Amino acid sequence: MFARRRPIQPSCCLALTTCLLAIAAVVPRAAEAQERRYRGPDGPDLGFANDAEIIVALREGEIVARRTLDIGTTGVQQLDIQYDGKMLHAVFHDVDTYERNLRLRDGSSFAGFYDRFSNQCAAYELGRLLGLDMIPPAVLRRVAGEPGAVQLWVEKTMTEGDRARRGLTPPDSGVWRQQQATMRTFDALIANSDRNTGNSLIDEDWNLWLIDHSRTFQIPRGDPSYATVNQITPTFWGALRALDETATRARLRDYLEPAQLTALFERHAEIVAHIEGLIETRGAGAVLIE
C-alpha cells in the first residue's frame, strides 16, 4: 500500500470561516458539465444533441476508415465513424503500460506510473462530475479486436504551441485566464505528467480543449507541489469542494485501479486545503477570478 500523505491544514481563524461561508452562499454545488457544441468534419455543427448521443455513436458507430497519426508518442489512430447518417472523427488510444518506482528526466519520481488508455475515459468522466466542458467525450471500445479508448476528435483547432509560435492573443484575456487556471487545477488533481503545448487545443471561438490524458492519475512519490494552483473560478471552486468521493469512485471504478482512486482523493483534500490557505493569506478577491 502507498503511504497516505497528510493534507495541508488550513487555519481555523474566524476570518477564514466567514470568508468561506460567504463564498459558499454564491457558488453553485457540483453539477454535470454544461455541454459545448461540437463542430463537425464538414460543417459548423456535428449534429448530435448532447454528449450522451456522441458517446453512443463512439461506442456503437461503424468504423469506416482508420489511419495512424504521426503525433504524440503513443501511435494513436484517427477513426472515421458513421452513425445514424452522421460522420464524425475520433481518436483511438490503445497504450497500456504501468511501471513501479519510475523516475523521469525532469527529476519527478513515481511509486506508480500509468500510461493507459482507460485514463482518457476517467479524465472525461471526472471532468463531467466537476462541471467542466473542456474534455471531449471518450469511451472504452475494441477496434480491430484491440481494447482501447475512442475519443471524439475536436475539429478546427490549433495547439497551444501553434498559438504561441504565431503570436496570437485571445480576444478576451479574462476568459483565457480562467480557462488556464482551470486547466492547471484539473491537471494537479489528476496528477497529469504530460500536459504540453501539443495537447491543449484552441478552437475558433477560443475555447480551450484538454486532450491526451493517458499519463494521468499517477501515484507520485514524495510531497507534491501545488505552486501552479494559485487561482480558480468560483464555479470550479464550488464544484471541487462539493465533489463526492462515493459517487466519484463509482463513476471511475471501471477505468482506474483502487490505488489511483485513493491517490486522487488524497490530492483532492490537499488541493482544497491549499486553496483555502491561499484565500486566507491573499484574500478571496485575489484567488477567485470572476
C-alpha atoms as a PDB file:
ATOM      1  CA  MET A   1       0.000   0.000   0.000  1.00  0.00           C
ATOM      2  CA  PHE A   2       1.112   3.539  -0.609  1.00  0.00           C
ATOM      3  CA  ALA A   3       1.586   5.822   2.358  1.00  0.00           C
ATOM      4  CA  ARG A   4      -1.174   8.374   2.774  1.00  0.00           C
ATOM      5  CA  ARG A   5       0.084  11.921   2.502  1.00  0.00           C
ATOM      6  CA  ARG A   6      -1.034  14.276   5.217  1.00  0.00           C
ATOM      7  CA  PRO A   7      -3.106  17.151   3.797  1.00  0.00           C
ATOM      8  CA  ILE A   8      -2.137  20.734   4.491  1.00  0.00           C
ATOM      9  CA  GLN A   9      -4.102  22.022   7.472  1.00  0.00           C
ATOM     10  CA  PRO A  10      -5.623  25.474   6.974  1.00  0.00           C
ATOM     11  CA  SER A  11      -6.057  27.876   9.874  1.00  0.00           C
ATOM     12  CA  CYS A  12      -9.463  27.828  11.507  1.00  0.00           C
ATOM     13  CA  CYS A  13      -9.476  31.526  12.223  1.00  0.00           C
ATOM     14  CA  LEU A  14     -12.798  33.375  12.246  1.00  0.00           C
ATOM     15  CA  ALA A  15     -11.884  35.485   9.202  1.00  0.00           C
ATOM     16  CA  LEU A  16     -11.334  32.440   7.002  1.00  0.00           C
ATOM     17  CA  THR A  17     -14.526  30.771   8.196  1.00  0.00           C
ATOM     18  CA  THR A  18     -16.550  33.901   7.477  1.00  0.00           C
ATOM     19  CA  CYS A  19     -14.948  34.220   4.037  1.00  0.00           C
ATOM     20  CA  LEU A  20     -15.660  30.619   3.071  1.00  0.00           C
ATOM     21  CA  LEU A  21     -19.257  30.833   4.238  1.00  0.00           C
ATOM     22  CA  ALA A  22     -19.744  33.897   2.078  1.00  0.00           C
ATOM     23  CA  ILE A  23     -18.262  32.122  -0.930  1.00  0.00           C
ATOM     24  CA  ALA A  24     -20.425  29.035  -0.377  1.00  0.00           C
ATOM     25  CA  ALA A  25     -23.532  31.199  -0.431  1.00  0.00           C
ATOM     26  CA  VAL A  26     -22.920  32.299  -4.021  1.00  0.00           C
ATOM     27  CA  VAL A  27     -21.107  29.296  -5.536  1.00  0.00           C
ATOM     28  CA  PRO A  28     -23.248  26.511  -7.016  1.00  0.00           C
ATOM     29  CA  ARG A  29     -22.776  22.910  -5.948  1.00  0.00           C
ATOM     30  CA  ALA A  30     -21.026  20.458  -8.243  1.00  0.00           C
ATOM     31  CA  ALA A  31     -23.104  19.521 -11.280  1.00  0.00           C
ATOM     32  CA  GLU A  32     -22.756  17.760 -14.583  1.00  0.00           C
ATOM     33  CA  ALA A  33     -20.914  19.731 -17.240  1.00  0.00           C
ATOM     34  CA  GLN A  34     -22.701  22.219 -19.441  1.00  0.00           C
ATOM     35  CA  GLU A  35     -22.050  20.777 -22.871  1.00  0.00           C
ATOM     36  CA  ARG A  36     -20.269  22.696 -25.593  1.00  0.00           C
ATOM     37  CA  ARG A  37     -21.402  22.383 -29.167  1.00  0.00           C
ATOM     38  CA  TYR A  38     -19.052  20.284 -31.272  1.00  0.00           C
ATOM     39  CA  ARG A  39     -18.139  21.175 -34.832  1.00  0.00           C
ATOM     40  CA  GLY A  40     -18.466  18.502 -37.490  1.00  0.00           C
ATOM     41  CA  PRO A  41     -15.848  17.402 -40.034  1.00  0.00           C
ATOM     42  CA  ASP A  42     -17.713  19.129 -42.866  1.00  0.00           C
ATOM     43  CA  GLY A  43     -19.857  21.727 -41.176  1.00  0.00           C
ATOM     44  CA  PRO A  44     -20.406  24.073 -38.278  1.00  0.00           C
ATOM     45  CA  ASP A  45     -22.214  21.512 -36.117  1.00  0.00           C
ATOM     46  CA  LEU A  46     -21.647  17.804 -35.507  1.00  0.00           C
ATOM     47  CA  GLY A  47     -25.386  17.155 -35.460  1.00  0.00           C
ATOM     48  CA  PHE A  48     -25.740  15.433 -32.081  1.00  0.00           C
ATOM     49  CA  ALA A  49     -27.928  16.918 -29.371  1.00  0.00           C
ATOM     50  CA  ASN A  50     -25.630  16.221 -26.430  1.00  0.00           C
ATOM     51  CA  ASP A  51     -22.674  14.242 -25.092  1.00  0.00           C
ATOM     52  CA  ALA A  52     -24.865  11.213 -24.394  1.00  0.00           C
ATOM     53  CA  GLU A  53     -25.662  10.839 -28.096  1.00  0.00           C
ATOM     54  CA  ILE A  54     -21.998  11.284 -29.032  1.00  0.00           C
ATOM     55  CA  ILE A  55     -20.998   8.566 -26.562  1.00  0.00           C
ATOM     56  CA  VAL A  56     -23.421   6.122 -28.164  1.00  0.00           C
ATOM     57  CA  ALA A  57     -22.005   6.965 -31.591  1.00  0.00           C
ATOM     58  CA  LEU A  58     -18.418   6.499 -30.396  1.00  0.00           C
ATOM     59  CA  ARG A  59     -19.279   3.155 -28.832  1.00  0.00           C
ATOM     60  CA  GLU A  60     -21.610   1.698 -31.479  1.00  0.00           C
ATOM     61  CA  GLY A  61     -20.938   3.552 -34.727  1.00  0.00           C
ATOM     62  CA  GLU A  62     -19.424   1.814 -37.760  1.00  0.00           C
ATOM     63  CA  ILE A  63     -15.714   2.462 -38.235  1.00  0.00           C
ATOM     64  CA  VAL A  64     -15.418   3.109 -41.963  1.00  0.00           C
ATOM     65  CA  ALA A  65     -11.760   4.207 -42.048  1.00  0.00           C
ATOM     66  CA  ARG A  66      -8.741   4.470 -39.793  1.00  0.00           C
ATOM     67  CA  ARG A  67      -5.280   5.907 -40.190  1.00  0.00           C
ATOM     68  CA  THR A  68      -2.203   6.154 -37.948  1.00  0.00           C
ATOM     69  CA  LEU A  69      -1.309   9.663 -36.842  1.00  0.00           C
ATOM     70  CA  ASP A  70       2.278  10.809 -36.614  1.00  0.00           C
ATOM     71  CA  ILE A  71       1.710  12.798 -33.433  1.00  0.00           C
ATOM     72  CA  GLY A  72       2.488  12.245 -29.782  1.00  0.00           C
ATOM     73  CA  THR A  73       4.333   9.196 -28.519  1.00  0.00           C
ATOM     74  CA  THR A  74       1.639   6.524 -28.316  1.00  0.00           C
ATOM     75  CA  GLY A  75       0.883   5.799 -32.006  1.00  0.00           C
ATOM     76  CA  VAL A  76      -2.736   6.922 -31.929  1.00  0.00           C
ATOM     77  CA  GLN A  77      -5.116   6.323 -34.840  1.00  0.00           C
ATOM     78  CA  GLN A  78      -7.767   8.607 -36.261  1.00  0.00           C
ATOM     79  CA  LEU A  79     -11.090   6.925 -36.989  1.00  0.00           C
ATOM     80  CA  ASP A  80     -13.936   7.844 -39.301  1.00  0.00           C
ATOM     81  CA  ILE A  81     -17.135   6.713 -37.587  1.00  0.00           C
ATOM     82  CA  GLN A  82     -20.573   6.654 -39.170  1.00  0.00           C
ATOM     83  CA  TYR A  83     -23.692   6.554 -37.028  1.00  0.00           C
ATOM     84  CA  ASP A  84     -27.319   7.361 -37.771  1.00  0.00           C
ATOM     85  CA  GLY A  85     -26.412   9.100 -41.019  1.00  0.00           C
ATOM     86  CA  LYS A  86     -23.771  11.266 -39.364  1.00  0.00           C
ATOM     87  CA  MET A  87     -19.995  11.167 -39.759  1.00  0.00           C
ATOM     88  CA  LEU A  88     -17.564  12.018 -37.020  1.00  0.00           C
ATOM     89  CA  HIS A  89     -13.833  11.783 -36.459  1.00  0.00           C
ATOM     90  CA  ALA A  90     -12.356  10.162 -33.374  1.00  0.00           C
ATOM     91  CA  VAL A  91      -9.012   9.118 -31.922  1.00  0.00           C
ATOM     92  CA  PHE A  92      -8.194   5.576 -30.810  1.00  0.00           C
ATOM     93  CA  HIS A  93      -5.700   5.103 -27.951  1.00  0.00           C
ATOM     94  CA  ASP A  94      -4.504   1.608 -27.063  1.00  0.00           C
ATOM     95  CA  VAL A  95      -1.387   2.268 -24.974  1.00  0.00           C
ATOM     96  CA  ASP A  96      -1.479   0.294 -21.713  1.00  0.00           C
ATOM     97  CA  THR A  97       1.669   0.323 -19.579  1.00  0.00           C
ATOM     98  CA  TYR A  98       2.499   0.576 -15.891  1.00  0.00           C
ATOM     99  CA  GLU A  99       5.839   0.994 -14.133  1.00  0.00           C
ATOM    100  CA  ARG A 100       6.745   0.959 -10.463  1.00  0.00           C
ATOM    101  CA  ASN A 101       9.354   3.228  -8.888  1.00  0.00           C
ATOM    102  CA  LEU A 102       9.923   5.319 -12.011  1.00  0.00           C
ATOM    103  CA  ARG A 103      11.998   8.491 -12.149  1.00  0.00           C
ATOM    104  CA  LEU A 104      11.635  10.811 -15.155  1.00  0.00           C
ATOM    105  CA  ARG A 105      14.296  13.012 -16.700  1.00  0.00           C
ATOM    106  CA  ASP A 106      12.845  16.107 -15.049  1.00  0.00           C
ATOM    107  CA  GLY A 107      13.545  14.538 -11.651  1.00  0.00           C
ATOM    108  CA  SER A 108       9.964  13.662 -10.796  1.00  0.00           C
ATOM    109  CA  SER A 109       9.553  10.294  -9.107  1.00  0.00           C
ATOM    110  CA  PHE A 110       6.568   7.951  -9.063  1.00  0.00           C
ATOM    111  CA  ALA A 111       5.686   4.979  -6.907  1.00  0.00           C
ATOM    112  CA  GLY A 112       3.304   4.026  -9.735  1.00  0.00           C
ATOM    113  CA  PHE A 113       3.397   5.498 -13.242  1.00  0.00           C
ATOM    114  CA  TYR A 114       0.499   4.850 -15.620  1.00  0.00           C
ATOM    115  CA  ASP A 115       0.272   5.327 -19.369  1.00  0.00           C
ATOM    116  CA  ARG A 116      -3.129   3.784 -20.055  1.00  0.00           C
ATOM    117  CA  PHE A 117      -5.954   4.312 -22.499  1.00  0.00           C
ATOM    118  CA  SER A 118      -8.537   3.945 -19.734  1.00  0.00           C
ATOM    119  CA  ASN A 119      -7.252   7.152 -18.131  1.00  0.00           C
ATOM    120  CA  GLN A 120      -8.709   9.029 -21.126  1.00  0.00           C
ATOM    121  CA  CYS A 121     -12.202   7.961 -20.072  1.00  0.00           C
ATOM    122  CA  ALA A 122     -11.534   8.634 -16.403  1.00  0.00           C
ATOM    123  CA  ALA A 123     -10.421  12.200 -17.146  1.00  0.00           C
ATOM    124  CA  TYR A 124     -13.550  12.839 -19.205  1.00  0.00           C
ATOM    125  CA  GLU A 125     -15.894  11.408 -16.565  1.00  0.00           C
ATOM    126  CA  LEU A 126     -14.202  13.273 -13.711  1.00  0.00           C
ATOM    127  CA  GLY A 127     -14.411  16.477 -15.729  1.00  0.00           C
ATOM    128  CA  ARG A 128     -18.141  15.897 -16.137  1.00  0.00           C
ATOM    129  CA  LEU A 129     -18.570  15.444 -12.393  1.00  0.00           C
ATOM    130  CA  LEU A 130     -16.757  18.752 -11.850  1.00  0.00           C
ATOM    131  CA  GLY A 131     -18.886  20.604 -14.376  1.00  0.00           C
ATOM    132  CA  LEU A 132     -16.080  21.010 -16.922  1.00  0.00           C
ATOM    133  CA  ASP A 133     -16.825  21.136 -20.649  1.00  0.00           C
ATOM    134  CA  MET A 134     -13.172  21.143 -21.741  1.00  0.00           C
ATOM    135  CA  ILE A 135     -12.598  17.413 -22.339  1.00  0.00           C
ATOM    136  CA  PRO A 136     -14.114  15.675 -25.391  1.00  0.00           C
ATOM    137  CA  PRO A 137     -16.205  12.522 -24.802  1.00  0.00           C
ATOM    138  CA  ALA A 138     -14.302   9.230 -24.539  1.00  0.00           C
ATOM    139  CA  VAL A 139     -15.450   5.609 -24.268  1.00  0.00           C
ATOM    140  CA  LEU A 140     -13.902   2.168 -23.977  1.00  0.00           C
ATOM    141  CA  ARG A 141     -14.127   0.172 -27.197  1.00  0.00           C
ATOM    142  CA  ARG A 142     -12.346  -2.564 -29.141  1.00  0.00           C
ATOM    143  CA  VAL A 143     -11.050  -1.618 -32.582  1.00  0.00           C
ATOM    144  CA  ALA A 144      -9.918  -4.461 -34.833  1.00  0.00           C
ATOM    145  CA  GLY A 145     -10.058  -6.696 -31.771  1.00  0.00           C
ATOM    146  CA  GLU A 146      -7.752  -4.488 -29.698  1.00  0.00           C
ATOM    147  CA  PRO A 147      -9.036  -2.848 -26.481  1.00  0.00           C
ATOM    148  CA  GLY A 148      -8.642   0.882 -26.187  1.00  0.00           C
ATOM    149  CA  ALA A 149     -10.329   4.252 -25.739  1.00  0.00           C
ATOM    150  CA  VAL A 150     -12.144   6.078 -28.533  1.00  0.00           C
ATOM    151  CA  GLN A 151     -12.357   9.846 -28.057  1.00  0.00           C
ATOM    152  CA  LEU A 152     -14.077  12.482 -30.150  1.00  0.00           C
ATOM    153  CA  TRP A 153     -11.743  14.465 -32.408  1.00  0.00           C
ATOM    154  CA  VAL A 154     -12.080  18.223 -31.864  1.00  0.00           C
ATOM    155  CA  GLU A 155     -12.341  19.848 -35.278  1.00  0.00           C
ATOM    156  CA  LYS A 156     -10.840  23.113 -36.488  1.00  0.00           C
ATOM    157  CA  THR A 157      -8.359  23.711 -33.689  1.00  0.00           C
ATOM    158  CA  MET A 158      -4.787  24.843 -33.213  1.00  0.00           C
ATOM    159  CA  THR A 159      -2.457  23.696 -30.472  1.00  0.00           C
ATOM    160  CA  GLU A 160      -1.186  25.996 -27.763  1.00  0.00           C
ATOM    161  CA  GLY A 161       2.231  25.632 -29.427  1.00  0.00           C
ATOM    162  CA  ASP A 162       0.772  26.889 -32.720  1.00  0.00           C
ATOM    163  CA  ARG A 163      -0.801  29.858 -30.951  1.00  0.00           C
ATOM    164  CA  ALA A 164       2.476  30.821 -29.296  1.00  0.00           C
ATOM    165  CA  ARG A 165       4.517  30.464 -32.499  1.00  0.00           C
ATOM    166  CA  ARG A 166       2.046  32.635 -34.402  1.00  0.00           C
ATOM    167  CA  GLY A 167       1.978  35.239 -31.650  1.00  0.00           C
ATOM    168  CA  LEU A 168      -1.814  35.146 -31.367  1.00  0.00           C
ATOM    169  CA  THR A 169      -3.523  36.614 -28.321  1.00  0.00           C
ATOM    170  CA  PRO A 170      -7.000  35.677 -27.070  1.00  0.00           C
ATOM    171  CA  PRO A 171      -9.740  38.248 -27.668  1.00  0.00           C
ATOM    172  CA  ASP A 172     -10.818  38.090 -24.010  1.00  0.00           C
ATOM    173  CA  SER A 173      -7.843  37.864 -21.668  1.00  0.00           C
ATOM    174  CA  GLY A 174     -10.079  37.388 -18.623  1.00  0.00           C
ATOM    175  CA  VAL A 175     -11.829  34.315 -20.037  1.00  0.00           C
ATOM    176  CA  TRP A 176      -8.485  32.932 -21.204  1.00  0.00           C
ATOM    177  CA  ARG A 177      -7.021  33.388 -17.714  1.00  0.00           C
ATOM    178  CA  GLN A 178      -9.982  31.497 -16.241  1.00  0.00           C
ATOM    179  CA  GLN A 179      -9.517  28.606 -18.663  1.00  0.00           C
ATOM    180  CA  GLN A 180      -5.799  28.406 -17.934  1.00  0.00           C
ATOM    181  CA  ALA A 181      -6.421  28.416 -14.182  1.00  0.00           C
ATOM    182  CA  THR A 182      -8.991  25.637 -14.551  1.00  0.00           C
ATOM    183  CA  MET A 183      -6.565  23.560 -16.608  1.00  0.00           C
ATOM    184  CA  ARG A 184      -3.778  23.921 -14.022  1.00  0.00           C
ATOM    185  CA  THR A 185      -6.047  22.919 -11.149  1.00  0.00           C
ATOM    186  CA  PHE A 186      -7.515  19.963 -13.012  1.00  0.00           C
ATOM    187  CA  ASP A 187      -4.056  18.767 -14.047  1.00  0.00           C
ATOM    188  CA  ALA A 188      -2.900  18.936 -10.426  1.00  0.00           C
ATOM    189  CA  LEU A 189      -5.943  16.945  -9.344  1.00  0.00           C
ATOM    190  CA  ILE A 190      -5.372  14.145 -11.866  1.00  0.00           C
ATOM    191  CA  ALA A 191      -1.559  14.167 -11.480  1.00  0.00           C
ATOM    192  CA  ASN A 192      -1.070  14.894 -15.169  1.00  0.00           C
ATOM    193  CA  SER A 193       2.571  14.266 -16.009  1.00  0.00           C
ATOM    194  CA  ASP A 194       2.222  15.123 -19.695  1.00  0.00           C
ATOM    195  CA  ARG A 195       0.500  18.462 -20.246  1.00  0.00           C
ATOM    196  CA  ASN A 196       2.379  20.191 -23.044  1.00  0.00           C
ATOM    197  CA  THR A 197       1.700  22.691 -25.800  1.00  0.00           C
ATOM    198  CA  GLY A 198       0.584  19.903 -28.123  1.00  0.00           C
ATOM    199  CA  ASN A 199      -2.228  18.502 -26.008  1.00  0.00           C
ATOM    200  CA  SER A 200      -4.110  21.661 -25.187  1.00  0.00           C
ATOM    201  CA  LEU A 201      -6.173  22.786 -28.178  1.00  0.00           C
ATOM    202  CA  ILE A 202      -7.898  26.066 -29.033  1.00  0.00           C
ATOM    203  CA  ASP A 203     -10.914  26.185 -31.312  1.00  0.00           C
ATOM    204  CA  GLU A 204     -12.139  29.034 -33.491  1.00  0.00           C
ATOM    205  CA  ASP A 205     -14.117  30.510 -30.586  1.00  0.00           C
ATOM    206  CA  TRP A 206     -11.050  30.424 -28.315  1.00  0.00           C
ATOM    207  CA  ASN A 207     -12.419  27.592 -26.211  1.00  0.00           C
ATOM    208  CA  LEU A 208      -9.621  25.604 -24.578  1.00  0.00           C
ATOM    209  CA  TRP A 209      -9.801  21.820 -25.037  1.00  0.00           C
ATOM    210  CA  LEU A 210      -7.791  19.352 -22.958  1.00  0.00           C
ATOM    211  CA  ILE A 211      -6.764  16.102 -24.651  1.00  0.00           C
ATOM    212  CA  ASP A 212      -4.364  13.148 -24.298  1.00  0.00           C
ATOM    213  CA  HIS A 213      -4.780  12.031 -20.685  1.00  0.00           C
ATOM    214  CA  SER A 214      -3.197   8.590 -20.848  1.00  0.00           C
ATOM    215  CA  ARG A 215      -0.395   9.706 -18.483  1.00  0.00           C
ATOM    216  CA  THR A 216      -2.610  10.844 -15.642  1.00  0.00           C
ATOM    217  CA  PHE A 217      -3.894   9.571 -12.294  1.00  0.00           C
ATOM    218  CA  GLN A 218      -0.316   8.857 -11.279  1.00  0.00           C
ATOM    219  CA  ILE A 219       0.944   7.935  -7.828  1.00  0.00           C
ATOM    220  CA  PRO A 220       3.816  10.358  -7.253  1.00  0.00           C
ATOM    221  CA  ARG A 221       6.499   9.700  -4.669  1.00  0.00           C
ATOM    222  CA  GLY A 222       7.022  12.402  -2.055  1.00  0.00           C
ATOM    223  CA  ASP A 223       5.015  15.512  -1.314  1.00  0.00           C
ATOM    224  CA  PRO A 224       3.527  17.158  -4.420  1.00  0.00           C
ATOM    225  CA  SER A 225       3.832  20.865  -5.153  1.00  0.00           C
ATOM    226  CA  TYR A 226       0.709  22.851  -5.951  1.00  0.00           C
ATOM    227  CA  ALA A 227       2.592  26.051  -6.739  1.00  0.00           C
ATOM    228  CA  THR A 228       0.893  26.371 -10.145  1.00  0.00           C
ATOM    229  CA  VAL A 229      -2.537  26.270  -8.491  1.00  0.00           C
ATOM    230  CA  ASN A 230      -2.873  29.893  -7.450  1.00  0.00           C
ATOM    231  CA  GLN A 231      -6.249  30.967  -8.837  1.00  0.00           C
ATOM    232  CA  ILE A 232      -9.583  29.298  -9.532  1.00  0.00           C
ATOM    233  CA  THR A 233     -13.014  30.317 -10.774  1.00  0.00           C
ATOM    234  CA  PRO A 234     -15.756  30.490  -8.146  1.00  0.00           C
ATOM    235  CA  THR A 235     -17.811  27.892 -10.048  1.00  0.00           C
ATOM    236  CA  PHE A 236     -14.974  25.383 -10.261  1.00  0.00           C
ATOM    237  CA  TRP A 237     -14.067  26.043  -6.635  1.00  0.00           C
ATOM    238  CA  GLY A 238     -17.613  25.223  -5.578  1.00  0.00           C
ATOM    239  CA  ALA A 239     -17.613  22.052  -7.684  1.00  0.00           C
ATOM    240  CA  LEU A 240     -14.221  20.962  -6.377  1.00  0.00           C
ATOM    241  CA  ARG A 241     -15.279  21.351  -2.748  1.00  0.00           C
ATOM    242  CA  ALA A 242     -18.572  19.532  -3.382  1.00  0.00           C
ATOM    243  CA  LEU A 243     -17.022  16.548  -5.188  1.00  0.00           C
ATOM    244  CA  ASP A 244     -18.478  13.419  -3.593  1.00  0.00           C
ATOM    245  CA  GLU A 245     -15.983  10.612  -3.069  1.00  0.00           C
ATOM    246  CA  THR A 246     -18.508   7.774  -3.093  1.00  0.00           C
ATOM    247  CA  ALA A 247     -20.164   8.899  -6.320  1.00  0.00           C
ATOM    248  CA  THR A 248     -16.810   9.591  -7.958  1.00  0.00           C
ATOM    249  CA  ARG A 249     -15.392   6.188  -7.067  1.00  0.00           C
ATOM    250  CA  ALA A 250     -18.483   4.541  -8.534  1.00  0.00           C
ATOM    251  CA  ARG A 251     -18.164   6.611 -11.720  1.00  0.00           C
ATOM    252  CA  LEU A 252     -14.446   5.905 -12.225  1.00  0.00           C
ATOM    253  CA  ARG A 253     -14.015   2.356 -10.958  1.00  0.00           C
ATOM    254  CA  ASP A 254     -14.224   0.859 -14.465  1.00  0.00           C
ATOM    255  CA  TYR A 255     -11.253   2.973 -15.554  1.00  0.00           C
ATOM    256  CA  LEU A 256      -8.899   3.315 -12.571  1.00  0.00           C
ATOM    257  CA  GLU A 257      -7.239   0.983 -10.092  1.00  0.00           C
ATOM    258  CA  PRO A 258      -8.095   1.327  -6.374  1.00  0.00           C
ATOM    259  CA  ALA A 259      -4.644   2.815  -5.683  1.00  0.00           C
ATOM    260  CA  GLN A 260      -5.248   5.500  -8.304  1.00  0.00           C
ATOM    261  CA  LEU A 261      -8.598   6.399  -6.760  1.00  0.00           C
ATOM    262  CA  THR A 262      -7.086   6.614  -3.299  1.00  0.00           C
ATOM    263  CA  ALA A 263      -4.300   8.872  -4.551  1.00  0.00           C
ATOM    264  CA  LEU A 264      -6.862  11.036  -6.385  1.00  0.00           C
ATOM    265  CA  PHE A 265      -8.754  11.811  -3.197  1.00  0.00           C
ATOM    266  CA  GLU A 266      -5.584  12.432  -1.237  1.00  0.00           C
ATOM    267  CA  ARG A 267      -4.726  15.088  -3.819  1.00  0.00           C
ATOM    268  CA  HIS A 268      -8.280  16.412  -3.717  1.00  0.00           C
ATOM    269  CA  ALA A 269      -8.045  17.021   0.030  1.00  0.00           C
ATOM    270  CA  GLU A 270      -4.625  18.637  -0.348  1.00  0.00           C
ATOM    271  CA  ILE A 271      -5.708  20.944  -3.170  1.00  0.00           C
ATOM    272  CA  VAL A 272      -8.829  22.075  -1.316  1.00  0.00           C
ATOM    273  CA  ALA A 273      -6.712  22.828   1.760  1.00  0.00           C
ATOM    274  CA  HIS A 274      -4.106  24.580  -0.423  1.00  0.00           C
ATOM    275  CA  ILE A 275      -6.717  26.887  -1.979  1.00  0.00           C
ATOM    276  CA  GLU A 276      -8.308  27.591   1.401  1.00  0.00           C
ATOM    277  CA  GLY A 277      -4.852  28.619   2.613  1.00  0.00           C
ATOM    278  CA  LEU A 278      -4.414  30.941  -0.375  1.00  0.00           C
ATOM    279  CA  ILE A 279      -7.775  32.559   0.319  1.00  0.00           C
ATOM    280  CA  GLU A 280      -6.799  33.076   3.939  1.00  0.00           C
ATOM    281  CA  THR A 281      -3.445  34.689   3.148  1.00  0.00           C
ATOM    282  CA  ARG A 282      -4.202  36.551  -0.081  1.00  0.00           C
ATOM    283  CA  GLY A 283      -7.927  37.190   0.155  1.00  0.00           C
ATOM    284  CA  ALA A 284     -10.774  35.762  -1.887  1.00  0.00           C
ATOM    285  CA  GLY A 285     -10.559  38.566  -4.442  1.00  0.00           C
ATOM    286  CA  ALA A 286      -7.028  37.563  -5.423  1.00  0.00           C
ATOM    287  CA  VAL A 287      -7.702  33.836  -5.646  1.00  0.00           C
ATOM    288  CA  LEU A 288     -11.261  33.525  -7.012  1.00  0.00           C
ATOM    289  CA  ILE A 289     -11.215  35.020 -10.510  1.00  0.00           C
ATOM    290  CA  GLU A 290     -14.504  36.267 -11.889  1.00  0.00           C
END
